[in-house]
Amino acid sequence: RTTNFSTAAVFVSTGANSTGSLVVTVQVSPDEITWADANQVIYPFDATGVATATVVPYSVSLSGVAAGVVTAPLAGEFVRVKVVATGAVTPTVKVTLR
């Protein structure tokens, strides 16, 4: 439950013998039934200077032996992470609520 918290810092690492890849995405829910990826909208500029809205999930992508972190704002009462592993990988995921 994320009541009284506004952000989640998700720390992800892979084990020493990992050779595969890993994508960890922050998900939020109002009721622990309906889950959605936590997304942000960014406006990158193309070569002509035109900005286009692009939806990007709050996620960490790793391959081999690596570590990463993503901080996501919390919308809803609950938070979890979606882990998609490909190949030989041993993930460790820890979340700090602030």
C-alpha atoms as a PDB file:
ATOM      1  CA  ARG A   1       0.000   0.000   0.000  1.00  0.00           C
ATOM      2  CA  THR A   2       1.385   3.400  -0.984  1.00  0.00           C
ATOM      3  CA  THR A   3      -0.773   5.621   1.211  1.00  0.00           C
ATOM      4  CA  ASN A   4       1.231   8.667   2.395  1.00  0.00           C
ATOM      5  CA  PHE A   5       4.006   8.047  -0.163  1.00  0.00           C
ATOM      6  CA  SER A   6       4.515   9.922  -3.431  1.00  0.00           C
ATOM      7  CA  THR A   7       7.364   8.108  -5.214  1.00  0.00           C
ATOM      8  CA  ALA A   8       8.833   4.642  -5.589  1.00  0.00           C
ATOM      9  CA  ALA A   9      12.541   4.110  -6.237  1.00  0.00           C
ATOM     10  CA  VAL A  10      13.004   0.706  -7.881  1.00  0.00           C
ATOM     11  CA  PHE A  11      16.508  -0.754  -7.673  1.00  0.00           C
ATOM     12  CA  VAL A  12      17.277  -3.641 -10.017  1.00  0.00           C
ATOM     13  CA  SER A  13      20.348  -5.830 -10.399  1.00  0.00           C
ATOM     14  CA  THR A  14      21.270  -9.112 -12.040  1.00  0.00           C
ATOM     15  CA  GLY A  15      23.308 -11.952 -10.588  1.00  0.00           C
ATOM     16  CA  ALA A  16      27.001 -12.567 -11.259  1.00  0.00           C
ATOM     17  CA  ASN A  17      26.342 -15.334 -13.813  1.00  0.00           C
ATOM     18  CA  SER A  18      23.523 -13.595 -15.698  1.00  0.00           C
ATOM     19  CA  THR A  19      23.821 -13.594 -19.488  1.00  0.00           C
ATOM     20  CA  GLY A  20      20.222 -12.802 -20.449  1.00  0.00           C
ATOM     21  CA  SER A  21      18.216  -9.589 -20.400  1.00  0.00           C
ATOM     22  CA  LEU A  22      15.713  -8.108 -17.993  1.00  0.00           C
ATOM     23  CA  VAL A  23      13.028  -5.406 -18.158  1.00  0.00           C
ATOM     24  CA  VAL A  24      11.417  -4.260 -14.899  1.00  0.00           C
ATOM     25  CA  THR A  25       8.432  -1.900 -15.184  1.00  0.00           C
ATOM     26  CA  VAL A  26       6.694  -0.047 -12.342  1.00  0.00           C
ATOM     27  CA  GLN A  27       2.937  -0.705 -12.182  1.00  0.00           C
ATOM     28  CA  VAL A  28       0.263   1.090 -10.131  1.00  0.00           C
ATOM     29  CA  SER A  29      -3.289   0.215  -9.101  1.00  0.00           C
ATOM     30  CA  PRO A  30      -6.229   1.831  -7.319  1.00  0.00           C
ATOM     31  CA  ASP A  31      -7.555  -1.483  -5.992  1.00  0.00           C
ATOM     32  CA  GLU A  32      -5.031  -4.369  -6.463  1.00  0.00           C
ATOM     33  CA  ILE A  33      -7.216  -5.661  -9.313  1.00  0.00           C
ATOM     34  CA  THR A  34      -6.660  -3.192 -12.140  1.00  0.00           C
ATOM     35  CA  TRP A  35      -2.935  -2.733 -12.854  1.00  0.00           C
ATOM     36  CA  ALA A  36      -1.348  -0.327 -15.330  1.00  0.00           C
ATOM     37  CA  ASP A  37       2.224   0.500 -16.251  1.00  0.00           C
ATOM     38  CA  ALA A  38       3.330   3.791 -14.696  1.00  0.00           C
ATOM     39  CA  ASN A  39       4.012   6.039 -17.682  1.00  0.00           C
ATOM     40  CA  GLN A  40       5.337   9.488 -18.390  1.00  0.00           C
ATOM     41  CA  VAL A  41       4.750  11.649 -21.439  1.00  0.00           C
ATOM     42  CA  ILE A  42       7.831  13.202 -22.983  1.00  0.00           C
ATOM     43  CA  TYR A  43       8.101  15.585 -25.932  1.00  0.00           C
ATOM     44  CA  PRO A  44      11.234  14.840 -27.958  1.00  0.00           C
ATOM     45  CA  PHE A  45      12.068  17.117 -30.866  1.00  0.00           C
ATOM     46  CA  ASP A  46      12.643  15.676 -34.325  1.00  0.00           C
ATOM     47  CA  ALA A  47      15.229  16.971 -36.820  1.00  0.00           C
ATOM     48  CA  THR A  48      12.865  19.756 -37.950  1.00  0.00           C
ATOM     49  CA  GLY A  49      12.259  21.016 -34.413  1.00  0.00           C
ATOM     50  CA  VAL A  50       8.751  19.562 -34.010  1.00  0.00           C
ATOM     51  CA  ALA A  51       7.930  18.076 -30.598  1.00  0.00           C
ATOM     52  CA  THR A  52       5.736  14.973 -30.534  1.00  0.00           C
ATOM     53  CA  ALA A  53       4.183  13.466 -27.411  1.00  0.00           C
ATOM     54  CA  THR A  54       5.646  10.043 -26.632  1.00  0.00           C
ATOM     55  CA  VAL A  55       4.488   7.750 -23.801  1.00  0.00           C
ATOM     56  CA  VAL A  56       7.402   6.092 -21.991  1.00  0.00           C
ATOM     57  CA  PRO A  57       7.024   3.598 -19.121  1.00  0.00           C
ATOM     58  CA  TYR A  58       8.974   3.977 -15.898  1.00  0.00           C
ATOM     59  CA  SER A  59      11.220   0.944 -16.371  1.00  0.00           C
ATOM     60  CA  VAL A  60      14.755  -0.410 -16.144  1.00  0.00           C
ATOM     61  CA  SER A  61      16.287  -2.515 -18.949  1.00  0.00           C
ATOM     62  CA  LEU A  62      19.413  -4.542 -18.211  1.00  0.00           C
ATOM     63  CA  SER A  63      21.467  -7.200 -19.971  1.00  0.00           C
ATOM     64  CA  GLY A  64      24.214  -9.401 -18.616  1.00  0.00           C
ATOM     65  CA  VAL A  65      25.567  -8.430 -15.207  1.00  0.00           C
ATOM     66  CA  ALA A  66      24.250  -4.931 -14.470  1.00  0.00           C
ATOM     67  CA  ALA A  67      22.342  -2.677 -12.086  1.00  0.00           C
ATOM     68  CA  GLY A  68      19.934   0.207 -12.497  1.00  0.00           C
ATOM     69  CA  VAL A  69      17.329   2.352 -10.776  1.00  0.00           C
ATOM     70  CA  VAL A  70      14.162   4.177 -11.797  1.00  0.00           C
ATOM     71  CA  THR A  71      12.117   6.584  -9.675  1.00  0.00           C
ATOM     72  CA  ALA A  72       8.419   6.799 -10.473  1.00  0.00           C
ATOM     73  CA  PRO A  73       5.640   8.995  -9.108  1.00  0.00           C
ATOM     74  CA  LEU A  74       2.870   6.978  -7.481  1.00  0.00           C
ATOM     75  CA  ALA A  75      -0.681   7.145  -8.785  1.00  0.00           C
ATOM     76  CA  GLY A  76      -3.113   4.902  -6.940  1.00  0.00           C
ATOM     77  CA  GLU A  77      -2.973   3.048  -3.648  1.00  0.00           C
ATOM     78  CA  PHE A  78      -0.769   0.129  -4.659  1.00  0.00           C
ATOM     79  CA  VAL A  79       2.505  -0.481  -6.485  1.00  0.00           C
ATOM     80  CA  ARG A  80       4.213  -3.564  -7.900  1.00  0.00           C
ATOM     81  CA  VAL A  81       6.795  -4.338 -10.560  1.00  0.00           C
ATOM     82  CA  LYS A  82       6.420  -6.352 -13.744  1.00  0.00           C
ATOM     83  CA  VAL A  83       9.533  -8.448 -14.442  1.00  0.00           C
ATOM     84  CA  VAL A  84      10.205  -9.789 -17.938  1.00  0.00           C
ATOM     85  CA  ALA A  85      13.339 -11.934 -18.142  1.00  0.00           C
ATOM     86  CA  THR A  86      14.835 -13.459 -21.273  1.00  0.00           C
ATOM     87  CA  GLY A  87      17.581 -16.073 -21.132  1.00  0.00           C
ATOM     88  CA  ALA A  88      19.703 -16.884 -18.102  1.00  0.00           C
ATOM     89  CA  VAL A  89      19.241 -14.060 -15.607  1.00  0.00           C
ATOM     90  CA  THR A  90      18.900 -13.883 -11.823  1.00  0.00           C
ATOM     91  CA  PRO A  91      17.094 -10.646 -10.923  1.00  0.00           C
ATOM     92  CA  THR A  92      17.015  -8.798  -7.627  1.00  0.00           C
ATOM     93  CA  VAL A  93      14.414  -6.045  -7.242  1.00  0.00           C
ATOM     94  CA  LYS A  94      14.046  -3.753  -4.239  1.00  0.00           C
ATOM     95  CA  VAL A  95      11.632  -0.836  -3.835  1.00  0.00           C
ATOM     96  CA  THR A  96      11.925   2.172  -1.544  1.00  0.00           C
ATOM     97  CA  LEU A  97       8.813   4.279  -0.986  1.00  0.00           C
ATOM     98  CA  ARG A  98       9.216   7.974  -0.210  1.00  0.00           C
END
